[in-house]
C-alpha atoms as a PDB file:
ATOM      1  CA  MET A   1     -33.634  -1.496  81.094  1.00  0.00           C
ATOM      2  CA  LYS A   2     -34.844  -0.206  77.647  1.00  0.00           C
ATOM      3  CA  PRO A   3     -34.776  -2.665  74.769  1.00  0.00           C
ATOM      4  CA  ALA A   4     -31.802  -0.956  72.794  1.00  0.00           C
ATOM      5  CA  ARG A   5     -29.954  -1.127  75.794  1.00  0.00           C
ATOM      6  CA  LEU A   6     -30.782  -4.539  76.949  1.00  0.00           C
ATOM      7  CA  PHE A   7     -29.767  -5.539  73.096  1.00  0.00           C
ATOM      8  CA  LEU A   8     -26.502  -3.917  73.692  1.00  0.00           C
ATOM      9  CA  ALA A   9     -25.900  -5.673  76.826  1.00  0.00           C
ATOM     10  CA  VAL A  10     -26.582  -8.819  75.371  1.00  0.00           C
ATOM     11  CA  LEU A  11     -24.210  -8.272  72.561  1.00  0.00           C
ATOM     12  CA  VAL A  12     -21.462  -6.989  74.780  1.00  0.00           C
ATOM     13  CA  ALA A  13     -21.846 -10.186  76.797  1.00  0.00           C
ATOM     14  CA  SER A  14     -22.291 -12.759  73.984  1.00  0.00           C
ATOM     15  CA  SER A  15     -19.057 -11.165  72.505  1.00  0.00           C
ATOM     16  CA  PHE A  16     -16.840 -12.211  75.558  1.00  0.00           C
ATOM     17  CA  ALA A  17     -18.851 -15.591  76.011  1.00  0.00           C
ATOM     18  CA  ASN A  18     -17.630 -16.771  72.210  1.00  0.00           C
ATOM     19  CA  ALA A  19     -13.758 -16.167  72.744  1.00  0.00           C
ATOM     20  CA  ALA A  20     -12.108 -19.854  72.706  1.00  0.00           C
ATOM     21  CA  ASP A  21      -9.826 -21.521  75.240  1.00  0.00           C
ATOM     22  CA  LEU A  22      -6.226 -21.352  74.050  1.00  0.00           C
ATOM     23  CA  PRO A  23      -4.182 -24.846  74.405  1.00  0.00           C
ATOM     24  CA  PRO A  24      -1.184 -24.408  76.818  1.00  0.00           C
ATOM     25  CA  GLN A  25       2.148 -24.865  75.450  1.00  0.00           C
ATOM     26  CA  LEU A  26       4.266 -25.597  78.620  1.00  0.00           C
ATOM     27  CA  GLY A  27       2.321 -28.586  79.863  1.00  0.00           C
ATOM     28  CA  THR A  28      -1.120 -29.726  80.638  1.00  0.00           C
ATOM     29  CA  LEU A  29      -3.959 -28.219  82.719  1.00  0.00           C
ATOM     30  CA  GLY A  30      -4.433 -29.533  86.094  1.00  0.00           C
ATOM     31  CA  GLU A  31      -6.838 -28.285  88.844  1.00  0.00           C
ATOM     32  CA  LYS A  32      -8.788 -25.389  88.009  1.00  0.00           C
ATOM     33  CA  LEU A  33      -7.936 -22.847  90.869  1.00  0.00           C
ATOM     34  CA  LEU A  34     -10.243 -19.796  89.875  1.00  0.00           C
ATOM     35  CA  GLU A  35     -13.155 -19.419  87.434  1.00  0.00           C
ATOM     36  CA  GLU A  36     -14.894 -15.901  87.222  1.00  0.00           C
ATOM     37  CA  THR A  37     -17.608 -14.272  84.724  1.00  0.00           C
ATOM     38  CA  PHE A  38     -18.428 -11.229  86.726  1.00  0.00           C
ATOM     39  CA  ALA A  39     -22.047 -12.159  86.106  1.00  0.00           C
ATOM     40  CA  GLY A  40     -23.268 -10.388  89.240  1.00  0.00           C
ATOM     41  CA  PRO A  41     -23.924  -6.458  89.789  1.00  0.00           C
ATOM     42  CA  GLU A  42     -20.983  -5.828  92.118  1.00  0.00           C
ATOM     43  CA  VAL A  43     -17.321  -6.558  91.771  1.00  0.00           C
ATOM     44  CA  PRO A  44     -16.748  -9.990  93.186  1.00  0.00           C
ATOM     45  CA  LYS A  45     -15.081 -10.459  96.684  1.00  0.00           C
ATOM     46  CA  GLY A  46     -11.351 -10.672  96.231  1.00  0.00           C
ATOM     47  CA  TRP A  47     -10.997  -8.325  93.469  1.00  0.00           C
ATOM     48  CA  ASN A  48      -9.020  -5.459  95.340  1.00  0.00           C
ATOM     49  CA  ALA A  49      -8.397  -2.221  93.802  1.00  0.00           C
ATOM     50  CA  ASN A  50      -4.903  -0.680  95.015  1.00  0.00           C
ATOM     51  CA  THR A  51      -5.485   2.419  92.645  1.00  0.00           C
ATOM     52  CA  GLY A  52      -7.920   3.460  89.965  1.00  0.00           C
ATOM     53  CA  SER A  53     -11.434   2.236  89.662  1.00  0.00           C
ATOM     54  CA  LEU A  54     -13.132  -1.074  89.461  1.00  0.00           C
ATOM     55  CA  ARG A  55     -16.693  -1.791  88.444  1.00  0.00           C
ATOM     56  CA  VAL A  56     -18.977  -4.404  86.814  1.00  0.00           C
ATOM     57  CA  VAL A  57     -20.777  -3.454  83.739  1.00  0.00           C
ATOM     58  CA  ASP A  58     -22.972  -5.880  81.574  1.00  0.00           C
ATOM     59  CA  GLY A  59     -21.140  -8.684  82.835  1.00  0.00           C
ATOM     60  CA  THR A  60     -17.487  -7.731  82.466  1.00  0.00           C
ATOM     61  CA  LEU A  61     -15.093  -6.318  84.844  1.00  0.00           C
ATOM     62  CA  ARG A  62     -14.183  -2.470  83.876  1.00  0.00           C
ATOM     63  CA  ALA A  63     -10.934  -0.979  85.210  1.00  0.00           C
ATOM     64  CA  ALA A  64      -9.320   2.375  84.955  1.00  0.00           C
ATOM     65  CA  GLU A  65      -6.336   4.323  86.214  1.00  0.00           C
ATOM     66  CA  LYS A  66      -7.608   7.679  88.112  1.00  0.00           C
ATOM     67  CA  SER A  67      -5.580  10.922  88.007  1.00  0.00           C
ATOM     68  CA  SER A  68      -6.097  11.610  91.268  1.00  0.00           C
ATOM     69  CA  ASP A  69      -4.037   8.725  92.576  1.00  0.00           C
ATOM     70  CA  MET A  70      -1.037   9.915  90.750  1.00  0.00           C
ATOM     71  CA  HIS A  71      -0.352   6.264  89.969  1.00  0.00           C
ATOM     72  CA  ILE A  72      -0.993   3.746  87.286  1.00  0.00           C
ATOM     73  CA  GLY A  73      -4.417   1.813  88.062  1.00  0.00           C
ATOM     74  CA  ALA A  74      -3.804  -1.503  89.926  1.00  0.00           C
ATOM     75  CA  PHE A  75      -5.787  -4.336  91.255  1.00  0.00           C
ATOM     76  CA  ARG A  76      -5.062  -7.704  92.566  1.00  0.00           C
ATOM     77  CA  TYR A  77      -6.991 -11.113  93.212  1.00  0.00           C
ATOM     78  CA  ARG A  78      -5.077 -13.048  96.131  1.00  0.00           C
ATOM     79  CA  LEU A  79      -4.725 -16.948  94.907  1.00  0.00           C
ATOM     80  CA  PRO A  80      -1.326 -18.596  95.684  1.00  0.00           C
ATOM     81  CA  MET A  81       0.133 -20.571  92.828  1.00  0.00           C
ATOM     82  CA  GLN A  82       3.587 -21.651  91.351  1.00  0.00           C
ATOM     83  CA  ASP A  83       3.410 -23.722  88.096  1.00  0.00           C
ATOM     84  CA  CYS A  84       0.170 -22.011  86.559  1.00  0.00           C
ATOM     85  CA  ALA A  85      -2.019 -20.779  83.489  1.00  0.00           C
ATOM     86  CA  VAL A  86      -3.993 -17.768  83.711  1.00  0.00           C
ATOM     87  CA  GLN A  87      -6.371 -16.995  81.012  1.00  0.00           C
ATOM     88  CA  ILE A  88      -8.481 -13.809  80.466  1.00  0.00           C
ATOM     89  CA  ASP A  89     -10.817 -12.026  77.743  1.00  0.00           C
ATOM     90  CA  PHE A  90     -10.016  -8.547  77.668  1.00  0.00           C
ATOM     91  CA  LYS A  91     -10.942  -5.310  75.381  1.00  0.00           C
ATOM     92  CA  LEU A  92      -8.598  -2.520  75.313  1.00  0.00           C
ATOM     93  CA  GLY A  93     -11.084   0.131  74.639  1.00  0.00           C
ATOM     94  CA  ASP A  94      -9.373   3.809  75.095  1.00  0.00           C
ATOM     95  CA  ALA A  95      -6.781   2.591  77.657  1.00  0.00           C
ATOM     96  CA  ARG A  96      -3.241   3.246  76.803  1.00  0.00           C
ATOM     97  CA  VAL A  97      -1.762   0.042  78.115  1.00  0.00           C
ATOM     98  CA  ILE A  98      -2.621  -3.160  80.379  1.00  0.00           C
ATOM     99  CA  ASN A  99      -0.375  -5.327  82.194  1.00  0.00           C
ATOM    100  CA  LEU A 100      -1.031  -8.905  83.480  1.00  0.00           C
ATOM    101  CA  GLY A 101       1.507 -10.602  85.800  1.00  0.00           C
ATOM    102  CA  PHE A 102       2.667 -11.559  89.045  1.00  0.00           C
ATOM    103  CA  ASP A 103       4.567 -10.678  92.355  1.00  0.00           C
ATOM    104  CA  PRO A 104       6.930 -12.851  94.107  1.00  0.00           C
ATOM    105  CA  THR A 105       5.648 -14.529  97.068  1.00  0.00           C
ATOM    106  CA  PRO A 106       7.288 -12.603 100.553  1.00  0.00           C
ATOM    107  CA  GLY A 107      10.644 -14.238 101.338  1.00  0.00           C
ATOM    108  CA  GLU A 108      11.036 -16.211  98.081  1.00  0.00           C
ATOM    109  CA  LEU A 109      13.370 -13.604  96.276  1.00  0.00           C
ATOM    110  CA  LYS A 110      15.610 -10.579  97.828  1.00  0.00           C
ATOM    111  CA  LYS A 111      14.397  -8.201  95.234  1.00  0.00           C
ATOM    112  CA  LYS A 112      11.446  -5.827  95.946  1.00  0.00           C
ATOM    113  CA  GLY A 113       8.590  -5.301  93.480  1.00  0.00           C
ATOM    114  CA  HIS A 114       7.098  -7.181  90.680  1.00  0.00           C
ATOM    115  CA  LEU A 115       8.213 -10.373  88.886  1.00  0.00           C
ATOM    116  CA  LEU A 116       6.979 -10.652  85.617  1.00  0.00           C
ATOM    117  CA  SER A 117       4.261  -9.026  83.300  1.00  0.00           C
ATOM    118  CA  VAL A 118       2.633  -8.859  79.879  1.00  0.00           C
ATOM    119  CA  VAL A 119       2.405  -5.560  78.631  1.00  0.00           C
ATOM    120  CA  ILE A 120       0.142  -4.841  75.926  1.00  0.00           C
ATOM    121  CA  SER A 121      -1.109  -1.665  74.160  1.00  0.00           C
ATOM    122  CA  LYS A 122      -2.818  -0.918  70.783  1.00  0.00           C
ATOM    123  CA  THR A 123       0.374  -1.165  68.756  1.00  0.00           C
ATOM    124  CA  GLY A 124       2.341  -3.877  70.313  1.00  0.00           C
ATOM    125  CA  TRP A 125       2.921  -6.445  73.390  1.00  0.00           C
ATOM    126  CA  SER A 126       6.009  -7.403  75.248  1.00  0.00           C
ATOM    127  CA  LEU A 127       7.110 -10.014  77.862  1.00  0.00           C
ATOM    128  CA  ILE A 128       8.743  -8.241  80.710  1.00  0.00           C
ATOM    129  CA  GLU A 129      10.945  -9.001  83.873  1.00  0.00           C
ATOM    130  CA  HIS A 130      10.510  -6.343  86.126  1.00  0.00           C
ATOM    131  CA  ASN A 131      13.866  -4.460  88.134  1.00  0.00           C
ATOM    132  CA  ASP A 132      14.522  -4.620  91.806  1.00  0.00           C
ATOM    133  CA  LYS A 133      13.181  -1.483  93.649  1.00  0.00           C
ATOM    134  CA  ALA A 134      15.384  -2.180  96.175  1.00  0.00           C
ATOM    135  CA  ASN A 135      18.594  -1.855  93.718  1.00  0.00           C
ATOM    136  CA  PRO A 136      18.629   1.534  92.005  1.00  0.00           C
ATOM    137  CA  GLU A 137      21.089  -0.010  89.304  1.00  0.00           C
ATOM    138  CA  SER A 138      18.616  -2.623  88.579  1.00  0.00           C
ATOM    139  CA  LYS A 139      16.768  -2.427  85.131  1.00  0.00           C
ATOM    140  CA  THR A 140      13.529  -3.868  83.738  1.00  0.00           C
ATOM    141  CA  LYS A 141      14.305  -6.701  81.363  1.00  0.00           C
ATOM    142  CA  THR A 142      12.258  -6.989  77.900  1.00  0.00           C
ATOM    143  CA  HIS A 143      12.686 -10.626  77.171  1.00  0.00           C
ATOM    144  CA  ALA A 144      10.187 -10.826  74.121  1.00  0.00           C
ATOM    145  CA  LYS A 145       8.362  -8.190  72.307  1.00  0.00           C
ATOM    146  CA  ALA A 146       6.105  -7.716  68.947  1.00  0.00           C
ATOM    147  CA  GLU A 147       5.015  -4.834  67.017  1.00  0.00           C
ATOM    148  CA  THR A 148       1.464  -5.713  66.133  1.00  0.00           C
ATOM    149  CA  ALA A 149      -2.054  -3.773  66.429  1.00  0.00           C
ATOM    150  CA  PHE A 150      -4.815  -4.459  68.973  1.00  0.00           C
ATOM    151  CA  ASP A 151      -8.212  -3.246  68.127  1.00  0.00           C
ATOM    152  CA  PRO A 152      -9.793  -1.360  71.027  1.00  0.00           C
ATOM    153  CA  ALA A 153     -13.093  -2.848  70.195  1.00  0.00           C
ATOM    154  CA  THR A 154     -11.923  -6.217  69.558  1.00  0.00           C
ATOM    155  CA  THR A 155     -12.154  -9.432  72.333  1.00  0.00           C
ATOM    156  CA  TYR A 156      -8.881 -10.998  72.706  1.00  0.00           C
ATOM    157  CA  THR A 157      -7.994 -14.088  74.709  1.00  0.00           C
ATOM    158  CA  LEU A 158      -4.837 -14.112  76.771  1.00  0.00           C
ATOM    159  CA  LEU A 159      -2.887 -17.180  78.190  1.00  0.00           C
ATOM    160  CA  LEU A 160      -0.189 -16.814  80.438  1.00  0.00           C
ATOM    161  CA  GLU A 161       1.701 -19.846  81.532  1.00  0.00           C
ATOM    162  CA  CYS A 162       4.507 -19.949  84.102  1.00  0.00           C
ATOM    163  CA  LYS A 163       6.470 -23.496  84.625  1.00  0.00           C
ATOM    164  CA  GLY A 164       9.624 -23.603  86.150  1.00  0.00           C
ATOM    165  CA  ASP A 165      11.659 -20.656  84.794  1.00  0.00           C
ATOM    166  CA  ASN A 166       9.624 -20.674  81.646  1.00  0.00           C
ATOM    167  CA  VAL A 167       7.068 -18.078  80.666  1.00  0.00           C
ATOM    168  CA  VAL A 168       4.748 -18.394  77.447  1.00  0.00           C
ATOM    169  CA  ALA A 169       2.367 -15.698  76.608  1.00  0.00           C
ATOM    170  CA  GLN A 170      -0.398 -16.517  73.803  1.00  0.00           C
ATOM    171  CA  ILE A 171      -3.198 -14.204  72.433  1.00  0.00           C
ATOM    172  CA  THR A 172      -5.588 -14.976  69.782  1.00  0.00           C
ATOM    173  CA  GLY A 173      -4.162 -14.205  66.236  1.00  0.00           C
ATOM    174  CA  LYS A 174      -0.856 -13.472  67.480  1.00  0.00           C
ATOM    175  CA  GLU A 175       2.671 -15.252  67.658  1.00  0.00           C
ATOM    176  CA  PRO A 176       3.303 -16.277  71.341  1.00  0.00           C
ATOM    177  CA  LEU A 177       5.828 -14.545  73.390  1.00  0.00           C
ATOM    178  CA  LYS A 178       8.202 -16.712  75.276  1.00  0.00           C
ATOM    179  CA  ALA A 179      10.891 -15.997  78.069  1.00  0.00           C
ATOM    180  CA  THR A 180      13.106 -17.686  80.642  1.00  0.00           C
ATOM    181  CA  ALA A 181      14.703 -16.442  83.756  1.00  0.00           C
ATOM    182  CA  PRO A 182      16.137 -18.057  86.944  1.00  0.00           C
ATOM    183  CA  ASP A 183      13.482 -16.142  89.244  1.00  0.00           C
ATOM    184  CA  PHE A 184      10.357 -16.982  87.322  1.00  0.00           C
ATOM    185  CA  HIS A 185       9.783 -20.437  89.281  1.00  0.00           C
ATOM    186  CA  VAL A 186       9.084 -19.002  92.624  1.00  0.00           C
ATOM    187  CA  LYS A 187       5.792 -19.167  94.207  1.00  0.00           C
ATOM    188  CA  LYS A 188       3.273 -16.203  93.239  1.00  0.00           C
ATOM    189  CA  PRO A 189       0.773 -14.614  95.839  1.00  0.00           C
ATOM    190  CA  GLY A 190      -1.904 -14.176  93.271  1.00  0.00           C
ATOM    191  CA  LEU A 191      -2.855 -11.856  89.860  1.00  0.00           C
ATOM    192  CA  VAL A 192      -1.494  -8.443  89.291  1.00  0.00           C
ATOM    193  CA  PHE A 193      -3.281  -6.160  87.028  1.00  0.00           C
ATOM    194  CA  ARG A 194      -2.527  -2.685  85.926  1.00  0.00           C
ATOM    195  CA  MET A 195      -3.946  -0.143  83.610  1.00  0.00           C
ATOM    196  CA  GLY A 196      -3.174   3.034  82.273  1.00  0.00           C
ATOM    197  CA  GLY A 197      -4.900   5.758  80.698  1.00  0.00           C
ATOM    198  CA  LYS A 198      -6.771   9.045  81.134  1.00  0.00           C
ATOM    199  CA  ASP A 199      -9.848   9.264  83.756  1.00  0.00           C
ATOM    200  CA  GLY A 200     -12.645   7.088  82.272  1.00  0.00           C
ATOM    201  CA  GLN A 201     -10.804   5.180  79.582  1.00  0.00           C
ATOM    202  CA  GLU A 202     -11.963   1.875  80.864  1.00  0.00           C
ATOM    203  CA  VAL A 203     -10.371  -1.820  80.187  1.00  0.00           C
ATOM    204  CA  ALA A 204     -12.797  -4.580  79.910  1.00  0.00           C
ATOM    205  CA  PHE A 205     -11.829  -8.134  81.340  1.00  0.00           C
ATOM    206  CA  ASP A 206     -14.056 -11.133  81.436  1.00  0.00           C
ATOM    207  CA  ASN A 207     -13.754 -14.880  81.963  1.00  0.00           C
ATOM    208  CA  VAL A 208     -10.815 -15.139  84.050  1.00  0.00           C
ATOM    209  CA  LYS A 209      -9.624 -18.853  84.576  1.00  0.00           C
ATOM    210  CA  VAL A 210      -6.430 -19.958  86.644  1.00  0.00           C
ATOM    211  CA  TRP A 211      -5.443 -23.518  86.384  1.00  0.00           C
ATOM    212  CA  ALA A 212      -2.345 -25.491  88.203  1.00  0.00           C
ATOM    213  CA  LEU A 213       0.100 -26.454  84.879  1.00  0.00           C
ATOM    214  CA  LYS A 214       1.162 -29.946  85.068  1.00  0.00           C
END
C-alpha cells in the first residue's frame, strides 16, 4: 500500500475507534452478546446481504443499495435476543437513508414484516413501528422524530435499547428518541440493517456491540 493510502486507512480506522460508548437509559448492560470490529479483509461470517452490496474496506463494513435489485439494500445478523442494547458507529456518506431495527421472531406476533426501526437521513431521524404487511389497512407509525442535520463525513454512535415495550434511541450529540408500543417486548431473531441510495453510495459501519439489557 502506498504511504498516502496507508495514512488514509489509518485515519479512517482511528476516527471510528475514538467513538465513545453511550450510557443506556432503560437498564444496565448485561452479558455482551456480540462485538464486531470488521478488522479482517472479508465480510465476517454471519453478516448476510439480502439485497445490495457488502464489503470490508479499511476496517469498516461498507453497505449500499443496488439498483438492479429493485429493492432497498438490506442485510442481517442472526442473534436471538429480547431485552437488549445495540450500539454501532456509522457514517452516512452519500447514502440517502439508513435503518437499524428488528423483526419479531416467527410465532411471536400475527403480523407480517418488520417490528421497529431507527431511520436516519441527512436531515433528521425517527423511531418507527412498521406496518403489518398482511393487513392492507395497517400503516407504519412514527413514534418519535426530530429534524436535525447528520454530517455525511462525521462518525456518529447509535445506541438502540429495547426493554419490555419501551425503546430508546440515542445518537451522539442528539436528543434521544423514545417510544412505547405493546408489541415491542417480543423476542427478536437478530439485527436488521437497511440502506437507500444510488449505486456506489455506501454507508460505513463499525464497532458493533450487543448486550443483554437488565
